[in-house]
Structures are given as C-alpha cells and as structure tokens.
Amino acid sequence: MLYLPREDGQGLVEYALILVLISITVIVIMGLLGDEIGAVFNDVQSTLSAR
C-alpha cells in the first residue's frame, strides 16, 4: 500500500504565516507613516467639524 502523508494542518499553517507576514508589513508601514496618517485624519476631522 502506498503511504500518503497527512497534510491536514499544513494549509492552516501556511495561512497563519501569510497573516503574520501581512501583519508585520502593516505594522512597519504604520510606524513609518504614522505621523502623516494622523495629520490626514486631523485635517478630515477639522474639515468636518467646521461645517
């Protein structure tokens, strides 16, 4: 009989690794652009509250 390895958890691990890499990328981008993003939100808030 041919032995086939079980790969039930392999897909879950791959998805978890992809999510971790995406999370790290988002955290790095937010760290680099955090001040600029905050300024944009402050501009939007001041524009909306002036109306």
PDB file of N, CA and C in Angstrom:
ATOM      1  N   MET A   1       0.841  -1.177   0.000  1.00  0.00           N
ATOM      2  CA  MET A   1       0.000   0.000   0.000  1.00  0.00           C
ATOM      3  C   MET A   1       0.890   1.246   0.000  1.00  0.00           C
ATOM      4  N   LEU A   2       0.515   2.231  -0.756  1.00  0.00           N
ATOM      5  CA  LEU A   2       1.282   3.467  -0.882  1.00  0.00           C
ATOM      6  C   LEU A   2       1.017   4.375   0.311  1.00  0.00           C
ATOM      7  N   TYR A   3       2.090   4.863   0.916  1.00  0.00           N
ATOM      8  CA  TYR A   3       1.956   5.748   2.082  1.00  0.00           C
ATOM      9  C   TYR A   3       1.799   7.191   1.615  1.00  0.00           C
ATOM     10  N   LEU A   4       0.713   7.832   2.010  1.00  0.00           N
ATOM     11  CA  LEU A   4       0.488   9.243   1.701  1.00  0.00           C
ATOM     12  C   LEU A   4       0.510  10.029   3.001  1.00  0.00           C
ATOM     13  N   PRO A   5       1.403  11.026   3.116  1.00  0.00           N
ATOM     14  CA  PRO A   5       1.456  11.796   4.365  1.00  0.00           C
ATOM     15  C   PRO A   5       0.204  12.635   4.551  1.00  0.00           C
ATOM     16  N   ARG A   6      -0.175  12.810   5.808  1.00  0.00           N
ATOM     17  CA  ARG A   6      -1.352  13.624   6.116  1.00  0.00           C
ATOM     18  C   ARG A   6      -0.953  15.087   6.069  1.00  0.00           C
ATOM     19  N   GLU A   7      -1.725  15.881   5.384  1.00  0.00           N
ATOM     20  CA  GLU A   7      -1.433  17.302   5.233  1.00  0.00           C
ATOM     21  C   GLU A   7      -2.598  18.151   5.712  1.00  0.00           C
ATOM     22  N   ASP A   8      -3.303  17.678   6.727  1.00  0.00           N
ATOM     23  CA  ASP A   8      -4.482  18.387   7.215  1.00  0.00           C
ATOM     24  C   ASP A   8      -4.133  19.768   7.755  1.00  0.00           C
ATOM     25  N   GLY A   9      -3.110  19.867   8.592  1.00  0.00           N
ATOM     26  CA  GLY A   9      -2.761  21.131   9.228  1.00  0.00           C
ATOM     27  C   GLY A   9      -1.852  22.009   8.410  1.00  0.00           C
ATOM     28  N   GLN A  10      -1.344  21.513   7.305  1.00  0.00           N
ATOM     29  CA  GLN A  10      -0.384  22.272   6.517  1.00  0.00           C
ATOM     30  C   GLN A  10      -1.008  23.542   5.952  1.00  0.00           C
ATOM     31  N   GLY A  11      -2.212  23.483   5.456  1.00  0.00           N
ATOM     32  CA  GLY A  11      -2.863  24.662   4.897  1.00  0.00           C
ATOM     33  C   GLY A  11      -3.090  25.733   5.948  1.00  0.00           C
ATOM     34  N   LEU A  12      -3.463  25.313   7.149  1.00  0.00           N
ATOM     35  CA  LEU A  12      -3.692  26.249   8.242  1.00  0.00           C
ATOM     36  C   LEU A  12      -2.405  26.967   8.619  1.00  0.00           C
ATOM     37  N   VAL A  13      -1.297  26.241   8.659  1.00  0.00           N
ATOM     38  CA  VAL A  13      -0.008  26.840   8.992  1.00  0.00           C
ATOM     39  C   VAL A  13       0.408  27.834   7.919  1.00  0.00           C
ATOM     40  N   GLU A  14       0.174  27.504   6.680  1.00  0.00           N
ATOM     41  CA  GLU A  14       0.531  28.415   5.589  1.00  0.00           C
ATOM     42  C   GLU A  14      -0.291  29.706   5.665  1.00  0.00           C
ATOM     43  N   TYR A  15      -1.575  29.583   5.945  1.00  0.00           N
ATOM     44  CA  TYR A  15      -2.407  30.780   6.097  1.00  0.00           C
ATOM     45  C   TYR A  15      -1.954  31.613   7.282  1.00  0.00           C
ATOM     46  N   ALA A  16      -1.572  30.961   8.372  1.00  0.00           N
ATOM     47  CA  ALA A  16      -1.094  31.686   9.549  1.00  0.00           C
ATOM     48  C   ALA A  16       0.195  32.441   9.229  1.00  0.00           C
ATOM     49  N   LEU A  17       1.108  31.825   8.497  1.00  0.00           N
ATOM     50  CA  LEU A  17       2.353  32.501   8.117  1.00  0.00           C
ATOM     51  C   LEU A  17       2.096  33.702   7.224  1.00  0.00           C
ATOM     52  N   ILE A  18       1.161  33.569   6.300  1.00  0.00           N
ATOM     53  CA  ILE A  18       0.812  34.694   5.427  1.00  0.00           C
ATOM     54  C   ILE A  18       0.228  35.830   6.256  1.00  0.00           C
ATOM     55  N   LEU A  19      -0.660  35.513   7.200  1.00  0.00           N
ATOM     56  CA  LEU A  19      -1.242  36.551   8.052  1.00  0.00           C
ATOM     57  C   LEU A  19      -0.185  37.241   8.909  1.00  0.00           C
ATOM     58  N   VAL A  20       0.778  36.483   9.406  1.00  0.00           N
ATOM     59  CA  VAL A  20       1.855  37.075  10.201  1.00  0.00           C
ATOM     60  C   VAL A  20       2.692  38.021   9.348  1.00  0.00           C
ATOM     61  N   LEU A  21       3.030  37.618   8.140  1.00  0.00           N
ATOM     62  CA  LEU A  21       3.829  38.476   7.257  1.00  0.00           C
ATOM     63  C   LEU A  21       3.073  39.751   6.889  1.00  0.00           C
ATOM     64  N   ILE A  22       1.782  39.633   6.624  1.00  0.00           N
ATOM     65  CA  ILE A  22       0.970  40.810   6.305  1.00  0.00           C
ATOM     66  C   ILE A  22       0.893  41.723   7.523  1.00  0.00           C
ATOM     67  N   SER A  23       0.718  41.147   8.713  1.00  0.00           N
ATOM     68  CA  SER A  23       0.646  41.959   9.926  1.00  0.00           C
ATOM     69  C   SER A  23       1.941  42.711  10.178  1.00  0.00           C
ATOM     70  N   ILE A  24       3.068  42.046  10.011  1.00  0.00           N
ATOM     71  CA  ILE A  24       4.365  42.705  10.203  1.00  0.00           C
ATOM     72  C   ILE A  24       4.532  43.836   9.205  1.00  0.00           C
ATOM     73  N   THR A  25       4.133  43.615   7.955  1.00  0.00           N
ATOM     74  CA  THR A  25       4.243  44.650   6.930  1.00  0.00           C
ATOM     75  C   THR A  25       3.385  45.856   7.282  1.00  0.00           C
ATOM     76  N   VAL A  26       2.158  45.632   7.726  1.00  0.00           N
ATOM     77  CA  VAL A  26       1.266  46.732   8.097  1.00  0.00           C
ATOM     78  C   VAL A  26       1.818  47.500   9.287  1.00  0.00           C
ATOM     79  N   ILE A  27       2.360  46.783  10.268  1.00  0.00           N
ATOM     80  CA  ILE A  27       2.919  47.451  11.450  1.00  0.00           C
ATOM     81  C   ILE A  27       4.108  48.322  11.066  1.00  0.00           C
ATOM     82  N   VAL A  28       4.973  47.828  10.192  1.00  0.00           N
ATOM     83  CA  VAL A  28       6.129  48.615   9.754  1.00  0.00           C
ATOM     84  C   VAL A  28       5.680  49.849   8.983  1.00  0.00           C
ATOM     85  N   ILE A  29       4.714  49.695   8.084  1.00  0.00           N
ATOM     86  CA  ILE A  29       4.222  50.833   7.308  1.00  0.00           C
ATOM     87  C   ILE A  29       3.563  51.862   8.212  1.00  0.00           C
ATOM     88  N   MET A  30       2.768  51.394   9.182  1.00  0.00           N
ATOM     89  CA  MET A  30       2.130  52.323  10.118  1.00  0.00           C
ATOM     90  C   MET A  30       3.172  53.058  10.953  1.00  0.00           C
ATOM     91  N   GLY A  31       4.250  52.374  11.313  1.00  0.00           N
ATOM     92  CA  GLY A  31       5.311  53.013  12.073  1.00  0.00           C
ATOM     93  C   GLY A  31       6.019  54.085  11.276  1.00  0.00           C
ATOM     94  N   LEU A  32       6.211  53.834   9.990  1.00  0.00           N
ATOM     95  CA  LEU A  32       6.904  54.797   9.136  1.00  0.00           C
ATOM     96  C   LEU A  32       6.018  55.969   8.743  1.00  0.00           C
ATOM     97  N   LEU A  33       4.739  55.705   8.529  1.00  0.00           N
ATOM     98  CA  LEU A  33       3.837  56.741   8.028  1.00  0.00           C
ATOM     99  C   LEU A  33       2.829  57.211   9.072  1.00  0.00           C
ATOM    100  N   GLY A  34       3.029  56.855  10.326  1.00  0.00           N
ATOM    101  CA  GLY A  34       2.054  57.151  11.363  1.00  0.00           C
ATOM    102  C   GLY A  34       1.745  58.632  11.509  1.00  0.00           C
ATOM    103  N   ASP A  35       2.777  59.473  11.501  1.00  0.00           N
ATOM    104  CA  ASP A  35       2.555  60.912  11.661  1.00  0.00           C
ATOM    105  C   ASP A  35       1.778  61.500  10.486  1.00  0.00           C
ATOM    106  N   GLU A  36       2.095  61.062   9.280  1.00  0.00           N
ATOM    107  CA  GLU A  36       1.396  61.575   8.102  1.00  0.00           C
ATOM    108  C   GLU A  36      -0.066  61.136   8.092  1.00  0.00           C
ATOM    109  N   ILE A  37      -0.312  59.896   8.490  1.00  0.00           N
ATOM    110  CA  ILE A  37      -1.687  59.395   8.538  1.00  0.00           C
ATOM    111  C   ILE A  37      -2.479  60.147   9.607  1.00  0.00           C
ATOM    112  N   GLY A  38      -1.859  60.412  10.748  1.00  0.00           N
ATOM    113  CA  GLY A  38      -2.513  61.182  11.802  1.00  0.00           C
ATOM    114  C   GLY A  38      -2.860  62.584  11.348  1.00  0.00           C
ATOM    115  N   ALA A  39      -1.962  63.200  10.570  1.00  0.00           N
ATOM    116  CA  ALA A  39      -2.232  64.543  10.059  1.00  0.00           C
ATOM    117  C   ALA A  39      -3.420  64.535   9.108  1.00  0.00           C
ATOM    118  N   VAL A  40      -3.527  63.521   8.280  1.00  0.00           N
ATOM    119  CA  VAL A  40      -4.651  63.424   7.348  1.00  0.00           C
ATOM    120  C   VAL A  40      -5.961  63.305   8.124  1.00  0.00           C
ATOM    121  N   PHE A  41      -5.989  62.448   9.158  1.00  0.00           N
ATOM    122  CA  PHE A  41      -7.206  62.296   9.947  1.00  0.00           C
ATOM    123  C   PHE A  41      -7.560  63.584  10.684  1.00  0.00           C
ATOM    124  N   ASN A  42      -6.554  64.308  11.168  1.00  0.00           N
ATOM    125  CA  ASN A  42      -6.810  65.586  11.831  1.00  0.00           C
ATOM    126  C   ASN A  42      -7.385  66.606  10.853  1.00  0.00           C
ATOM    127  N   ASP A  43      -6.881  66.618   9.617  1.00  0.00           N
ATOM    128  CA  ASP A  43      -7.418  67.526   8.598  1.00  0.00           C
ATOM    129  C   ASP A  43      -8.875  67.192   8.287  1.00  0.00           C
ATOM    130  N   VAL A  44      -9.174  65.919   8.159  1.00  0.00           N
ATOM    131  CA  VAL A  44     -10.546  65.493   7.876  1.00  0.00           C
ATOM    132  C   VAL A  44     -11.463  65.872   9.039  1.00  0.00           C
ATOM    133  N   GLN A  45     -10.993  65.654  10.264  1.00  0.00           N
ATOM    134  CA  GLN A  45     -11.800  65.973  11.432  1.00  0.00           C
ATOM    135  C   GLN A  45     -12.063  67.473  11.534  1.00  0.00           C
ATOM    136  N   SER A  46     -11.049  68.280  11.282  1.00  0.00           N
ATOM    137  CA  SER A  46     -11.239  69.716  11.368  1.00  0.00           C
ATOM    138  C   SER A  46     -12.149  70.229  10.253  1.00  0.00           C
ATOM    139  N   THR A  47     -12.064  69.609   9.081  1.00  0.00           N
ATOM    140  CA  THR A  47     -12.932  69.999   7.976  1.00  0.00           C
ATOM    141  C   THR A  47     -14.397  69.656   8.293  1.00  0.00           C
ATOM    142  N   LEU A  48     -14.619  68.470   8.861  1.00  0.00           N
ATOM    143  CA  LEU A  48     -15.982  68.053   9.173  1.00  0.00           C
ATOM    144  C   LEU A  48     -16.573  68.857  10.327  1.00  0.00           C
ATOM    145  N   SER A  49     -15.761  69.216  11.298  1.00  0.00           N
ATOM    146  CA  SER A  49     -16.286  69.972  12.433  1.00  0.00           C
ATOM    147  C   SER A  49     -16.498  71.436  12.103  1.00  0.00           C
ATOM    148  N   ALA A  50     -15.899  71.928  11.021  1.00  0.00           N
ATOM    149  CA  ALA A  50     -16.088  73.320  10.627  1.00  0.00           C
ATOM    150  C   ALA A  50     -17.429  73.504   9.899  1.00  0.00           C
ATOM    151  N   ARG A  51     -18.047  72.449   9.480  1.00  0.00           N
ATOM    152  CA  ARG A  51     -19.305  72.553   8.725  1.00  0.00           C
ATOM    153  C   ARG A  51     -20.465  72.650   9.608  1.00  0.00           C
TER     154      ARG A  51
END
